[in-house]
Amino acid sequence: MKVFKGALIGCGFFSQNHQEAWRRILNAEIVAASDLSLERAQAAAPRAYTSAKELLQAEVLDFVDIATRSPTHMELVSLAAEKGLAIICQKPMAPDWETARRMVEVCEKNRVRAMIHDNWRWQSWYRAAAGMIAQGDIGTPLGYGFRCRVKEGTGPEPYPRQAYFRQLPRFMIDEVLVHHIDTARFLFGDIASIYAEGARRNPHVRAEDHVILTLRHVGGAMGSIEGSSFLSHLDSARTLDEATFEGESGSLMVNGQGEIWSGEQKLWRDFGKGYRGDSVFSTQSHFIDCLETGRPFETGFRDYLEHTFAAVEAAYMSLESHCSVEIAKVLGAAP
């Protein structure tokens, strides 16, 4: 069995979930890590660096896991691509459309495989719901709704674990609801258009912290996604959201415990371990499996750019114009 040797770039708050998952993937090994804090890098891997460039010059690797903030992604992706390494890169993909497009181009120019780590579609309850929808349990899909509550966004010092959220120029859509946009695309196919309304409720954050999206899919389904950071979710909840999926002959509801219900009948319950339905483990396992087998990534760079990230860009265009925006308009705007 080939064991893929990897390096972790970025060892901050969410990176802890990456590290836990990598330790459980038998055919992958994180042999080195870099972080501005040498101590954090040392805790993550046998060999530690404070410079990603130095790490990539010194180590012999198969892949890199980029778990840093989006403004750093272009430089780090370029360094890894020039070394011929496969890449898994955390969302948000990039701070803007042009940067995301250049990230795709540099990977394609160097013929490296690259995937966005957007773990929401890999939550076990959404994978189970996808199977039920695919086998016709609700008939032809008609509509859906996601409601997401991030409970640390109140008061004068919101998001104490990720305080940089306060100064982001784009927040609720870019950091949170992108997950639901991507999951909706996974469940119901490509998105044709999106309409967004939003507000900034907490004066101690720079960007939008309450958003409602309306989406229309190419296949005909329509749905809504609502997210806020000022209402607390149930303390006992395993998820940050709840969802309803409706079709011509039935409906499914995913509750805050990660259970799937149809009316008063419970159809499925997650008993797994790991972060939110073991979604990080599943995402990273998919990445390694695709490297091993040659199968395409579900969230490969170009696919993610032209569908999920394009929908995010369309949502911000809609926030400004208060009009529905076609995804084709975003793609047509690209040089």
C-alpha atoms as a PDB file:
ATOM      1  CA  MET A   1       0.000   0.000   0.000  1.00  0.00           C
ATOM      2  CA  LYS A   2       1.389   3.367  -1.032  1.00  0.00           C
ATOM      3  CA  VAL A   3       1.453   5.902   1.771  1.00  0.00           C
ATOM      4  CA  PHE A   4       1.098   9.455   0.461  1.00  0.00           C
ATOM      5  CA  LYS A   5       3.462  11.879   2.177  1.00  0.00           C
ATOM      6  CA  GLY A   6       1.992  15.281   2.892  1.00  0.00           C
ATOM      7  CA  ALA A   7       2.697  18.604   4.549  1.00  0.00           C
ATOM      8  CA  LEU A   8       0.251  20.751   6.477  1.00  0.00           C
ATOM      9  CA  ILE A   9       0.528  24.496   5.895  1.00  0.00           C
ATOM     10  CA  GLY A  10      -1.314  26.372   8.623  1.00  0.00           C
ATOM     11  CA  CYS A  11      -1.850  24.920  12.099  1.00  0.00           C
ATOM     12  CA  GLY A  12      -4.489  27.233  13.532  1.00  0.00           C
ATOM     13  CA  PHE A  13      -7.966  26.712  14.987  1.00  0.00           C
ATOM     14  CA  PHE A  14      -9.698  24.658  12.292  1.00  0.00           C
ATOM     15  CA  SER A  15      -6.483  22.907  11.312  1.00  0.00           C
ATOM     16  CA  GLN A  16      -6.889  20.814  14.469  1.00  0.00           C
ATOM     17  CA  ASN A  17      -9.724  18.983  12.698  1.00  0.00           C
ATOM     18  CA  HIS A  18      -7.471  18.364   9.683  1.00  0.00           C
ATOM     19  CA  GLN A  19      -4.777  16.929  11.941  1.00  0.00           C
ATOM     20  CA  GLU A  20      -7.197  14.605  13.746  1.00  0.00           C
ATOM     21  CA  ALA A  21      -8.476  13.287  10.431  1.00  0.00           C
ATOM     22  CA  TRP A  22      -5.044  12.775   8.872  1.00  0.00           C
ATOM     23  CA  ARG A  23      -3.997  10.645  11.836  1.00  0.00           C
ATOM     24  CA  ARG A  24      -6.818   8.206  11.003  1.00  0.00           C
ATOM     25  CA  ILE A  25      -6.137   7.887   7.252  1.00  0.00           C
ATOM     26  CA  LEU A  26      -3.877   4.859   6.934  1.00  0.00           C
ATOM     27  CA  ASN A  27      -2.446   5.601   3.494  1.00  0.00           C
ATOM     28  CA  ALA A  28      -1.573   9.235   4.225  1.00  0.00           C
ATOM     29  CA  GLU A  29       1.047  10.704   6.552  1.00  0.00           C
ATOM     30  CA  ILE A  30       1.713  14.316   7.470  1.00  0.00           C
ATOM     31  CA  VAL A  31       5.511  14.397   7.673  1.00  0.00           C
ATOM     32  CA  ALA A  32       6.001  18.160   8.011  1.00  0.00           C
ATOM     33  CA  ALA A  33       4.091  21.287   8.945  1.00  0.00           C
ATOM     34  CA  SER A  34       4.570  25.039   8.766  1.00  0.00           C
ATOM     35  CA  ASP A  35       2.997  27.830  10.759  1.00  0.00           C
ATOM     36  CA  LEU A  36       3.977  31.285  11.924  1.00  0.00           C
ATOM     37  CA  SER A  37       4.046  29.668  15.381  1.00  0.00           C
ATOM     38  CA  LEU A  38       6.826  27.084  15.421  1.00  0.00           C
ATOM     39  CA  GLU A  39       5.293  25.532  18.517  1.00  0.00           C
ATOM     40  CA  ARG A  40       2.010  24.850  16.696  1.00  0.00           C
ATOM     41  CA  ALA A  41       3.878  23.379  13.722  1.00  0.00           C
ATOM     42  CA  GLN A  42       5.894  21.125  16.023  1.00  0.00           C
ATOM     43  CA  ALA A  43       2.680  19.818  17.566  1.00  0.00           C
ATOM     44  CA  ALA A  44       1.319  18.961  14.125  1.00  0.00           C
ATOM     45  CA  ALA A  45       4.153  17.009  12.494  1.00  0.00           C
ATOM     46  CA  PRO A  46       7.603  15.455  13.058  1.00  0.00           C
ATOM     47  CA  ARG A  47       9.362  18.263  11.159  1.00  0.00           C
ATOM     48  CA  ALA A  48       8.348  21.877  11.676  1.00  0.00           C
ATOM     49  CA  TYR A  49       8.951  25.153   9.859  1.00  0.00           C
ATOM     50  CA  THR A  50       7.844  28.758  10.166  1.00  0.00           C
ATOM     51  CA  SER A  51       8.163  29.243   6.390  1.00  0.00           C
ATOM     52  CA  ALA A  52       6.088  27.293   3.864  1.00  0.00           C
ATOM     53  CA  LYS A  53       8.670  28.096   1.192  1.00  0.00           C
ATOM     54  CA  GLU A  54      11.452  26.550   3.270  1.00  0.00           C
ATOM     55  CA  LEU A  55       9.300  23.490   3.950  1.00  0.00           C
ATOM     56  CA  LEU A  56       8.590  22.944   0.254  1.00  0.00           C
ATOM     57  CA  GLN A  57      12.277  23.328  -0.608  1.00  0.00           C
ATOM     58  CA  ALA A  58      13.411  20.843   2.044  1.00  0.00           C
ATOM     59  CA  GLU A  59      10.793  18.086   1.950  1.00  0.00           C
ATOM     60  CA  VAL A  60      10.005  15.294  -0.513  1.00  0.00           C
ATOM     61  CA  LEU A  61       6.219  15.184  -0.694  1.00  0.00           C
ATOM     62  CA  ASP A  62       3.211  13.907  -2.611  1.00  0.00           C
ATOM     63  CA  PHE A  63       0.747  16.587  -1.513  1.00  0.00           C
ATOM     64  CA  VAL A  64       0.143  19.670   0.599  1.00  0.00           C
ATOM     65  CA  ASP A  65      -2.835  20.551   2.761  1.00  0.00           C
ATOM     66  CA  ILE A  66      -3.283  24.335   2.801  1.00  0.00           C
ATOM     67  CA  ALA A  67      -5.264  25.320   5.905  1.00  0.00           C
ATOM     68  CA  THR A  68      -4.555  29.053   5.978  1.00  0.00           C
ATOM     69  CA  ARG A  69      -6.691  32.152   5.363  1.00  0.00           C
ATOM     70  CA  SER A  70      -7.747  32.848   1.800  1.00  0.00           C
ATOM     71  CA  PRO A  71      -5.462  35.868   1.088  1.00  0.00           C
ATOM     72  CA  THR A  72      -2.470  33.494   1.353  1.00  0.00           C
ATOM     73  CA  HIS A  73      -3.830  30.828  -0.989  1.00  0.00           C
ATOM     74  CA  MET A  74      -2.540  32.197  -4.291  1.00  0.00           C
ATOM     75  CA  GLU A  75       1.086  32.276  -3.153  1.00  0.00           C
ATOM     76  CA  LEU A  76       0.941  28.897  -1.423  1.00  0.00           C
ATOM     77  CA  VAL A  77      -0.873  27.171  -4.280  1.00  0.00           C
ATOM     78  CA  SER A  78       1.703  28.590  -6.723  1.00  0.00           C
ATOM     79  CA  LEU A  79       4.626  27.330  -4.635  1.00  0.00           C
ATOM     80  CA  ALA A  80       3.126  23.839  -4.358  1.00  0.00           C
ATOM     81  CA  ALA A  81       2.093  23.687  -8.015  1.00  0.00           C
ATOM     82  CA  GLU A  82       5.592  24.650  -9.165  1.00  0.00           C
ATOM     83  CA  LYS A  83       6.881  21.686  -7.120  1.00  0.00           C
ATOM     84  CA  GLY A  84       4.412  19.394  -8.908  1.00  0.00           C
ATOM     85  CA  LEU A  85       2.502  18.553  -5.713  1.00  0.00           C
ATOM     86  CA  ALA A  86      -1.170  17.663  -5.401  1.00  0.00           C
ATOM     87  CA  ILE A  87      -3.089  20.250  -3.397  1.00  0.00           C
ATOM     88  CA  ILE A  88      -6.037  20.253  -1.016  1.00  0.00           C
ATOM     89  CA  CYS A  89      -6.896  23.830  -0.046  1.00  0.00           C
ATOM     90  CA  GLN A  90      -9.375  25.103   2.527  1.00  0.00           C
ATOM     91  CA  LYS A  91     -12.295  27.281   1.546  1.00  0.00           C
ATOM     92  CA  PRO A  92     -12.845  30.191   1.014  1.00  0.00           C
ATOM     93  CA  MET A  93     -11.007  29.513  -2.225  1.00  0.00           C
ATOM     94  CA  ALA A  94      -9.727  33.075  -2.642  1.00  0.00           C
ATOM     95  CA  PRO A  95     -10.529  36.641  -1.602  1.00  0.00           C
ATOM     96  CA  ASP A  96     -11.854  37.513  -5.072  1.00  0.00           C
ATOM     97  CA  TRP A  97     -12.770  36.074  -8.468  1.00  0.00           C
ATOM     98  CA  GLU A  98      -9.592  37.055 -10.324  1.00  0.00           C
ATOM     99  CA  THR A  99      -7.347  35.460  -7.697  1.00  0.00           C
ATOM    100  CA  ALA A 100      -9.389  32.246  -7.728  1.00  0.00           C
ATOM    101  CA  ARG A 101      -9.177  32.132 -11.531  1.00  0.00           C
ATOM    102  CA  ARG A 102      -5.374  32.528 -11.417  1.00  0.00           C
ATOM    103  CA  MET A 103      -5.145  29.716  -8.846  1.00  0.00           C
ATOM    104  CA  VAL A 104      -6.890  27.395 -11.297  1.00  0.00           C
ATOM    105  CA  GLU A 105      -4.620  28.485 -14.132  1.00  0.00           C
ATOM    106  CA  VAL A 106      -1.381  27.934 -12.219  1.00  0.00           C
ATOM    107  CA  CYS A 107      -2.459  24.399 -11.287  1.00  0.00           C
ATOM    108  CA  GLU A 108      -3.483  23.568 -14.827  1.00  0.00           C
ATOM    109  CA  LYS A 109      -0.268  25.056 -16.227  1.00  0.00           C
ATOM    110  CA  ASN A 110       1.787  22.837 -13.903  1.00  0.00           C
ATOM    111  CA  ARG A 111      -0.536  19.851 -14.423  1.00  0.00           C
ATOM    112  CA  VAL A 112      -1.134  19.273 -10.742  1.00  0.00           C
ATOM    113  CA  ARG A 113      -4.317  17.970  -9.179  1.00  0.00           C
ATOM    114  CA  ALA A 114      -6.031  20.401  -6.824  1.00  0.00           C
ATOM    115  CA  MET A 115      -9.162  20.212  -4.691  1.00  0.00           C
ATOM    116  CA  ILE A 116     -10.998  22.638  -2.426  1.00  0.00           C
ATOM    117  CA  HIS A 117     -11.597  21.366   1.104  1.00  0.00           C
ATOM    118  CA  ASP A 118     -15.301  22.213   1.509  1.00  0.00           C
ATOM    119  CA  ASN A 119     -16.398  19.593   3.992  1.00  0.00           C
ATOM    120  CA  TRP A 120     -20.122  20.385   4.364  1.00  0.00           C
ATOM    121  CA  ARG A 121     -21.239  18.147   1.497  1.00  0.00           C
ATOM    122  CA  TRP A 122     -19.339  15.361   3.276  1.00  0.00           C
ATOM    123  CA  GLN A 123     -21.362  15.553   6.497  1.00  0.00           C
ATOM    124  CA  SER A 124     -22.815  12.085   6.929  1.00  0.00           C
ATOM    125  CA  TRP A 125     -26.437  13.267   7.124  1.00  0.00           C
ATOM    126  CA  TYR A 126     -26.180  15.075   3.789  1.00  0.00           C
ATOM    127  CA  ARG A 127     -24.533  12.060   2.156  1.00  0.00           C
ATOM    128  CA  ALA A 128     -27.383   9.900   3.471  1.00  0.00           C
ATOM    129  CA  ALA A 129     -29.993  12.409   2.289  1.00  0.00           C
ATOM    130  CA  ALA A 130     -28.361  12.493  -1.159  1.00  0.00           C
ATOM    131  CA  GLY A 131     -28.794   8.722  -1.414  1.00  0.00           C
ATOM    132  CA  MET A 132     -32.469   8.949  -0.463  1.00  0.00           C
ATOM    133  CA  ILE A 133     -33.098  11.728  -2.982  1.00  0.00           C
ATOM    134  CA  ALA A 134     -31.219   9.837  -5.715  1.00  0.00           C
ATOM    135  CA  GLN A 135     -33.296   6.697  -5.178  1.00  0.00           C
ATOM    136  CA  GLY A 136     -36.525   8.668  -5.486  1.00  0.00           C
ATOM    137  CA  ASP A 137     -37.706   8.802  -1.881  1.00  0.00           C
ATOM    138  CA  ILE A 138     -39.136  12.310  -2.357  1.00  0.00           C
ATOM    139  CA  GLY A 139     -39.870  12.057  -6.076  1.00  0.00           C
ATOM    140  CA  THR A 140     -38.785  14.892  -8.346  1.00  0.00           C
ATOM    141  CA  PRO A 141     -37.070  17.498  -6.128  1.00  0.00           C
ATOM    142  CA  LEU A 142     -38.937  20.793  -5.981  1.00  0.00           C
ATOM    143  CA  GLY A 143     -37.562  22.892  -3.143  1.00  0.00           C
ATOM    144  CA  TYR A 144     -35.341  23.014  -0.103  1.00  0.00           C
ATOM    145  CA  GLY A 145     -34.326  25.211   2.782  1.00  0.00           C
ATOM    146  CA  PHE A 146     -31.209  25.485   4.954  1.00  0.00           C
ATOM    147  CA  ARG A 147     -31.206  27.489   8.192  1.00  0.00           C
ATOM    148  CA  CYS A 148     -27.794  28.059   9.768  1.00  0.00           C
ATOM    149  CA  ARG A 149     -27.046  29.649  13.133  1.00  0.00           C
ATOM    150  CA  VAL A 150     -23.501  30.630  14.158  1.00  0.00           C
ATOM    151  CA  LYS A 151     -23.823  31.387  17.850  1.00  0.00           C
ATOM    152  CA  GLU A 152     -20.580  33.248  18.639  1.00  0.00           C
ATOM    153  CA  GLY A 153     -21.323  36.434  16.713  1.00  0.00           C
ATOM    154  CA  THR A 154     -22.828  38.613  19.427  1.00  0.00           C
ATOM    155  CA  GLY A 155     -21.423  41.257  21.764  1.00  0.00           C
ATOM    156  CA  PRO A 156     -18.416  43.569  21.512  1.00  0.00           C
ATOM    157  CA  GLU A 157     -15.918  40.708  21.026  1.00  0.00           C
ATOM    158  CA  PRO A 158     -17.628  38.223  18.684  1.00  0.00           C
ATOM    159  CA  TYR A 159     -15.964  35.030  17.435  1.00  0.00           C
ATOM    160  CA  PRO A 160     -13.411  34.731  20.239  1.00  0.00           C
ATOM    161  CA  ARG A 161     -11.891  31.586  18.694  1.00  0.00           C
ATOM    162  CA  GLN A 162     -11.530  33.181  15.238  1.00  0.00           C
ATOM    163  CA  ALA A 163     -11.337  36.881  16.009  1.00  0.00           C
ATOM    164  CA  TYR A 164     -10.172  37.723  12.479  1.00  0.00           C
ATOM    165  CA  PHE A 165     -13.786  37.151  11.359  1.00  0.00           C
ATOM    166  CA  ARG A 166     -14.562  40.608  12.754  1.00  0.00           C
ATOM    167  CA  GLN A 167     -12.470  42.400  10.108  1.00  0.00           C
ATOM    168  CA  LEU A 168     -13.264  40.315   7.037  1.00  0.00           C
ATOM    169  CA  PRO A 169     -14.593  42.390   4.109  1.00  0.00           C
ATOM    170  CA  ARG A 170     -16.909  39.477   3.213  1.00  0.00           C
ATOM    171  CA  PHE A 171     -18.218  37.225   5.947  1.00  0.00           C
ATOM    172  CA  MET A 172     -21.492  35.301   6.162  1.00  0.00           C
ATOM    173  CA  ILE A 173     -21.686  34.190   2.524  1.00  0.00           C
ATOM    174  CA  ASP A 174     -17.956  33.754   1.971  1.00  0.00           C
ATOM    175  CA  GLU A 175     -17.121  31.961   5.225  1.00  0.00           C
ATOM    176  CA  VAL A 176     -20.343  30.171   6.182  1.00  0.00           C
ATOM    177  CA  LEU A 177     -23.058  29.953   3.539  1.00  0.00           C
ATOM    178  CA  VAL A 178     -20.595  28.886   0.849  1.00  0.00           C
ATOM    179  CA  HIS A 179     -20.890  25.489   2.555  1.00  0.00           C
ATOM    180  CA  HIS A 180     -24.628  25.379   1.954  1.00  0.00           C
ATOM    181  CA  ILE A 181     -24.325  26.671  -1.599  1.00  0.00           C
ATOM    182  CA  ASP A 182     -21.911  23.824  -2.345  1.00  0.00           C
ATOM    183  CA  THR A 183     -24.095  21.265  -0.563  1.00  0.00           C
ATOM    184  CA  ALA A 184     -27.175  22.453  -2.489  1.00  0.00           C
ATOM    185  CA  ARG A 185     -25.220  21.997  -5.722  1.00  0.00           C
ATOM    186  CA  PHE A 186     -24.196  18.499  -4.591  1.00  0.00           C
ATOM    187  CA  LEU A 187     -27.809  17.570  -3.824  1.00  0.00           C
ATOM    188  CA  PHE A 188     -29.702  19.308  -6.636  1.00  0.00           C
ATOM    189  CA  GLY A 189     -27.224  20.043  -9.413  1.00  0.00           C
ATOM    190  CA  ASP A 190     -25.717  23.201 -10.792  1.00  0.00           C
ATOM    191  CA  ILE A 191     -27.097  26.597  -9.787  1.00  0.00           C
ATOM    192  CA  ALA A 192     -28.516  28.854 -12.505  1.00  0.00           C
ATOM    193  CA  SER A 193     -29.155  32.044 -10.537  1.00  0.00           C
ATOM    194  CA  ILE A 194     -29.054  33.467  -7.031  1.00  0.00           C
ATOM    195  CA  TYR A 195     -30.688  36.367  -5.205  1.00  0.00           C
ATOM    196  CA  ALA A 196     -29.286  37.699  -1.941  1.00  0.00           C
ATOM    197  CA  GLU A 197     -30.365  40.091   0.778  1.00  0.00           C
ATOM    198  CA  GLY A 198     -28.226  40.759   3.816  1.00  0.00           C
ATOM    199  CA  ALA A 199     -27.493  43.006   6.754  1.00  0.00           C
ATOM    200  CA  ARG A 200     -24.828  43.771   9.333  1.00  0.00           C
ATOM    201  CA  ARG A 201     -26.504  43.359  12.737  1.00  0.00           C
ATOM    202  CA  ASN A 202     -23.473  43.498  15.018  1.00  0.00           C
ATOM    203  CA  PRO A 203     -21.592  46.817  14.732  1.00  0.00           C
ATOM    204  CA  HIS A 204     -18.438  45.053  15.933  1.00  0.00           C
ATOM    205  CA  VAL A 205     -18.096  43.115  12.662  1.00  0.00           C
ATOM    206  CA  ARG A 206     -17.171  44.712   9.354  1.00  0.00           C
ATOM    207  CA  ALA A 207     -19.246  42.631   6.932  1.00  0.00           C
ATOM    208  CA  GLU A 208     -22.644  40.995   6.557  1.00  0.00           C
ATOM    209  CA  ASP A 209     -23.706  38.706   9.419  1.00  0.00           C
ATOM    210  CA  HIS A 210     -27.327  37.979   8.403  1.00  0.00           C
ATOM    211  CA  VAL A 211     -28.129  36.749   4.887  1.00  0.00           C
ATOM    212  CA  ILE A 212     -31.024  35.141   3.046  1.00  0.00           C
ATOM    213  CA  LEU A 213     -30.333  33.551  -0.354  1.00  0.00           C
ATOM    214  CA  THR A 214     -32.798  32.298  -2.940  1.00  0.00           C
ATOM    215  CA  LEU A 215     -31.385  29.863  -5.499  1.00  0.00           C
ATOM    216  CA  ARG A 216     -32.679  28.428  -8.770  1.00  0.00           C
ATOM    217  CA  HIS A 217     -31.049  25.274 -10.129  1.00  0.00           C
ATOM    218  CA  VAL A 218     -30.563  24.274 -13.750  1.00  0.00           C
ATOM    219  CA  GLY A 219     -32.661  21.153 -13.138  1.00  0.00           C
ATOM    220  CA  GLY A 220     -35.647  23.155 -11.866  1.00  0.00           C
ATOM    221  CA  ALA A 221     -35.376  22.880  -8.097  1.00  0.00           C
ATOM    222  CA  MET A 222     -35.466  26.101  -6.080  1.00  0.00           C
ATOM    223  CA  GLY A 223     -34.370  26.724  -2.520  1.00  0.00           C
ATOM    224  CA  SER A 224     -33.442  29.141   0.210  1.00  0.00           C
ATOM    225  CA  ILE A 225     -30.459  29.442   2.522  1.00  0.00           C
ATOM    226  CA  GLU A 226     -30.561  31.630   5.616  1.00  0.00           C
ATOM    227  CA  GLY A 227     -27.624  32.288   7.900  1.00  0.00           C
ATOM    228  CA  SER A 228     -27.055  34.522  10.893  1.00  0.00           C
ATOM    229  CA  SER A 229     -24.504  34.959  13.631  1.00  0.00           C
ATOM    230  CA  PHE A 230     -26.624  36.531  16.340  1.00  0.00           C
ATOM    231  CA  LEU A 231     -29.016  33.722  17.313  1.00  0.00           C
ATOM    232  CA  SER A 232     -27.794  30.817  19.430  1.00  0.00           C
ATOM    233  CA  HIS A 233     -28.327  27.307  18.170  1.00  0.00           C
ATOM    234  CA  LEU A 234     -29.369  24.640  20.650  1.00  0.00           C
ATOM    235  CA  ASP A 235     -26.436  23.867  22.933  1.00  0.00           C
ATOM    236  CA  SER A 236     -27.091  20.152  22.457  1.00  0.00           C
ATOM    237  CA  ALA A 237     -27.085  20.352  18.653  1.00  0.00           C
ATOM    238  CA  ARG A 238     -24.468  18.442  16.675  1.00  0.00           C
ATOM    239  CA  THR A 239     -24.903  20.607  13.606  1.00  0.00           C
ATOM    240  CA  LEU A 240     -24.895  24.323  12.857  1.00  0.00           C
ATOM    241  CA  ASP A 241     -27.932  24.022  10.633  1.00  0.00           C
ATOM    242  CA  GLU A 242     -31.223  22.331   9.844  1.00  0.00           C
ATOM    243  CA  ALA A 243     -32.552  21.488   6.402  1.00  0.00           C
ATOM    244  CA  THR A 244     -35.743  20.467   4.626  1.00  0.00           C
ATOM    245  CA  PHE A 245     -35.859  18.848   1.178  1.00  0.00           C
ATOM    246  CA  GLU A 246     -39.208  18.591  -0.622  1.00  0.00           C
ATOM    247  CA  GLY A 247     -40.265  16.717  -3.735  1.00  0.00           C
ATOM    248  CA  GLU A 248     -43.403  15.807  -5.639  1.00  0.00           C
ATOM    249  CA  SER A 249     -44.035  12.738  -3.489  1.00  0.00           C
ATOM    250  CA  GLY A 250     -42.373  13.343  -0.134  1.00  0.00           C
ATOM    251  CA  SER A 251     -40.020  15.349   2.052  1.00  0.00           C
ATOM    252  CA  LEU A 252     -36.992  14.901   4.293  1.00  0.00           C
ATOM    253  CA  MET A 253     -35.907  16.952   7.286  1.00  0.00           C
ATOM    254  CA  VAL A 254     -32.409  17.027   8.782  1.00  0.00           C
ATOM    255  CA  ASN A 255     -32.518  18.241  12.381  1.00  0.00           C
ATOM    256  CA  GLY A 256     -29.897  19.665  14.709  1.00  0.00           C
ATOM    257  CA  GLN A 257     -28.908  16.183  15.871  1.00  0.00           C
ATOM    258  CA  GLY A 258     -27.973  15.050  12.374  1.00  0.00           C
ATOM    259  CA  GLU A 259     -31.084  12.849  12.160  1.00  0.00           C
ATOM    260  CA  ILE A 260     -33.161  12.486   8.996  1.00  0.00           C
ATOM    261  CA  TRP A 261     -36.941  12.425   9.388  1.00  0.00           C
ATOM    262  CA  SER A 262     -39.862  11.991   7.030  1.00  0.00           C
ATOM    263  CA  GLY A 263     -42.901  13.291   8.857  1.00  0.00           C
ATOM    264  CA  GLU A 264     -42.929  11.527  12.231  1.00  0.00           C
ATOM    265  CA  GLN A 265     -40.702   8.681  11.045  1.00  0.00           C
ATOM    266  CA  LYS A 266     -36.989   8.768  11.783  1.00  0.00           C
ATOM    267  CA  LEU A 267     -35.192   7.315   8.777  1.00  0.00           C
ATOM    268  CA  TRP A 268     -31.547   7.725   9.704  1.00  0.00           C
ATOM    269  CA  ARG A 269     -29.223   8.718  12.505  1.00  0.00           C
ATOM    270  CA  ASP A 270     -25.494   9.343  12.509  1.00  0.00           C
ATOM    271  CA  PHE A 271     -23.420   7.390  15.022  1.00  0.00           C
ATOM    272  CA  GLY A 272     -20.006   8.398  13.706  1.00  0.00           C
ATOM    273  CA  LYS A 273     -17.164  10.262  15.311  1.00  0.00           C
ATOM    274  CA  GLY A 274     -15.127  13.246  14.274  1.00  0.00           C
ATOM    275  CA  TYR A 275     -16.066  16.796  13.294  1.00  0.00           C
ATOM    276  CA  ARG A 276     -19.715  17.190  12.206  1.00  0.00           C
ATOM    277  CA  GLY A 277     -20.562  13.770  10.874  1.00  0.00           C
ATOM    278  CA  ASP A 278     -16.881  12.974  10.340  1.00  0.00           C
ATOM    279  CA  SER A 279     -16.931  15.348   7.394  1.00  0.00           C
ATOM    280  CA  VAL A 280     -13.267  16.383   7.546  1.00  0.00           C
ATOM    281  CA  PHE A 281     -12.138  12.759   7.608  1.00  0.00           C
ATOM    282  CA  SER A 282     -14.424  11.974   4.660  1.00  0.00           C
ATOM    283  CA  THR A 283     -13.200  15.000   2.684  1.00  0.00           C
ATOM    284  CA  GLN A 284      -9.539  14.150   3.158  1.00  0.00           C
ATOM    285  CA  SER A 285     -10.133  10.439   2.556  1.00  0.00           C
ATOM    286  CA  HIS A 286     -11.792  11.349  -0.751  1.00  0.00           C
ATOM    287  CA  PHE A 287      -8.745  13.443  -1.691  1.00  0.00           C
ATOM    288  CA  ILE A 288      -6.338  10.563  -1.022  1.00  0.00           C
ATOM    289  CA  ASP A 289      -8.598   8.006  -2.720  1.00  0.00           C
ATOM    290  CA  CYS A 290      -8.683  10.160  -5.853  1.00  0.00           C
ATOM    291  CA  LEU A 291      -4.897  10.497  -5.828  1.00  0.00           C
ATOM    292  CA  GLU A 292      -4.627   6.729  -5.567  1.00  0.00           C
ATOM    293  CA  THR A 293      -7.242   5.819  -8.192  1.00  0.00           C
ATOM    294  CA  GLY A 294      -7.089   8.758 -10.573  1.00  0.00           C
ATOM    295  CA  ARG A 295     -10.795   9.499 -10.097  1.00  0.00           C
ATOM    296  CA  PRO A 296     -11.865  13.146 -10.311  1.00  0.00           C
ATOM    297  CA  PHE A 297     -12.303  15.219  -7.173  1.00  0.00           C
ATOM    298  CA  GLU A 298     -15.867  16.225  -6.306  1.00  0.00           C
ATOM    299  CA  THR A 299     -14.612  19.754  -5.626  1.00  0.00           C
ATOM    300  CA  GLY A 300     -11.702  20.089  -8.025  1.00  0.00           C
ATOM    301  CA  PHE A 301     -10.384  23.618  -8.509  1.00  0.00           C
ATOM    302  CA  ARG A 302     -11.976  24.419 -11.891  1.00  0.00           C
ATOM    303  CA  ASP A 303     -15.301  22.769 -11.085  1.00  0.00           C
ATOM    304  CA  TYR A 304     -15.482  24.567  -7.750  1.00  0.00           C
ATOM    305  CA  LEU A 305     -14.501  27.879  -9.346  1.00  0.00           C
ATOM    306  CA  GLU A 306     -17.124  27.719 -12.094  1.00  0.00           C
ATOM    307  CA  HIS A 307     -19.992  26.496  -9.927  1.00  0.00           C
ATOM    308  CA  THR A 308     -19.636  27.032  -6.168  1.00  0.00           C
ATOM    309  CA  PHE A 309     -17.302  30.046  -6.143  1.00  0.00           C
ATOM    310  CA  ALA A 310     -19.162  31.590  -9.076  1.00  0.00           C
ATOM    311  CA  ALA A 311     -22.378  31.319  -7.051  1.00  0.00           C
ATOM    312  CA  VAL A 312     -20.680  33.092  -4.127  1.00  0.00           C
ATOM    313  CA  GLU A 313     -19.565  35.887  -6.463  1.00  0.00           C
ATOM    314  CA  ALA A 314     -23.096  36.112  -7.875  1.00  0.00           C
ATOM    315  CA  ALA A 315     -24.493  36.391  -4.340  1.00  0.00           C
ATOM    316  CA  TYR A 316     -22.264  39.382  -3.569  1.00  0.00           C
ATOM    317  CA  MET A 317     -23.220  40.991  -6.878  1.00  0.00           C
ATOM    318  CA  SER A 318     -26.848  40.483  -5.875  1.00  0.00           C
ATOM    319  CA  LEU A 319     -26.276  42.003  -2.429  1.00  0.00           C
ATOM    320  CA  GLU A 320     -25.076  45.177  -4.135  1.00  0.00           C
ATOM    321  CA  SER A 321     -27.724  45.336  -6.860  1.00  0.00           C
ATOM    322  CA  HIS A 322     -30.718  43.859  -4.981  1.00  0.00           C
ATOM    323  CA  CYS A 323     -31.401  41.865  -8.153  1.00  0.00           C
ATOM    324  CA  SER A 324     -31.157  38.189  -9.045  1.00  0.00           C
ATOM    325  CA  VAL A 325     -27.853  37.356 -10.764  1.00  0.00           C
ATOM    326  CA  GLU A 326     -27.305  34.587 -13.309  1.00  0.00           C
ATOM    327  CA  ILE A 327     -24.228  32.429 -12.704  1.00  0.00           C
ATOM    328  CA  ALA A 328     -23.494  32.750 -16.414  1.00  0.00           C
ATOM    329  CA  LYS A 329     -22.978  36.473 -15.875  1.00  0.00           C
ATOM    330  CA  VAL A 330     -20.126  35.786 -13.456  1.00  0.00           C
ATOM    331  CA  LEU A 331     -18.502  33.325 -15.850  1.00  0.00           C
ATOM    332  CA  GLY A 332     -18.949  35.706 -18.753  1.00  0.00           C
ATOM    333  CA  ALA A 333     -17.216  38.466 -16.801  1.00  0.00           C
ATOM    334  CA  ALA A 334     -14.038  36.408 -16.528  1.00  0.00           C
ATOM    335  CA  PRO A 335     -11.325  37.462 -19.023  1.00  0.00           C
END
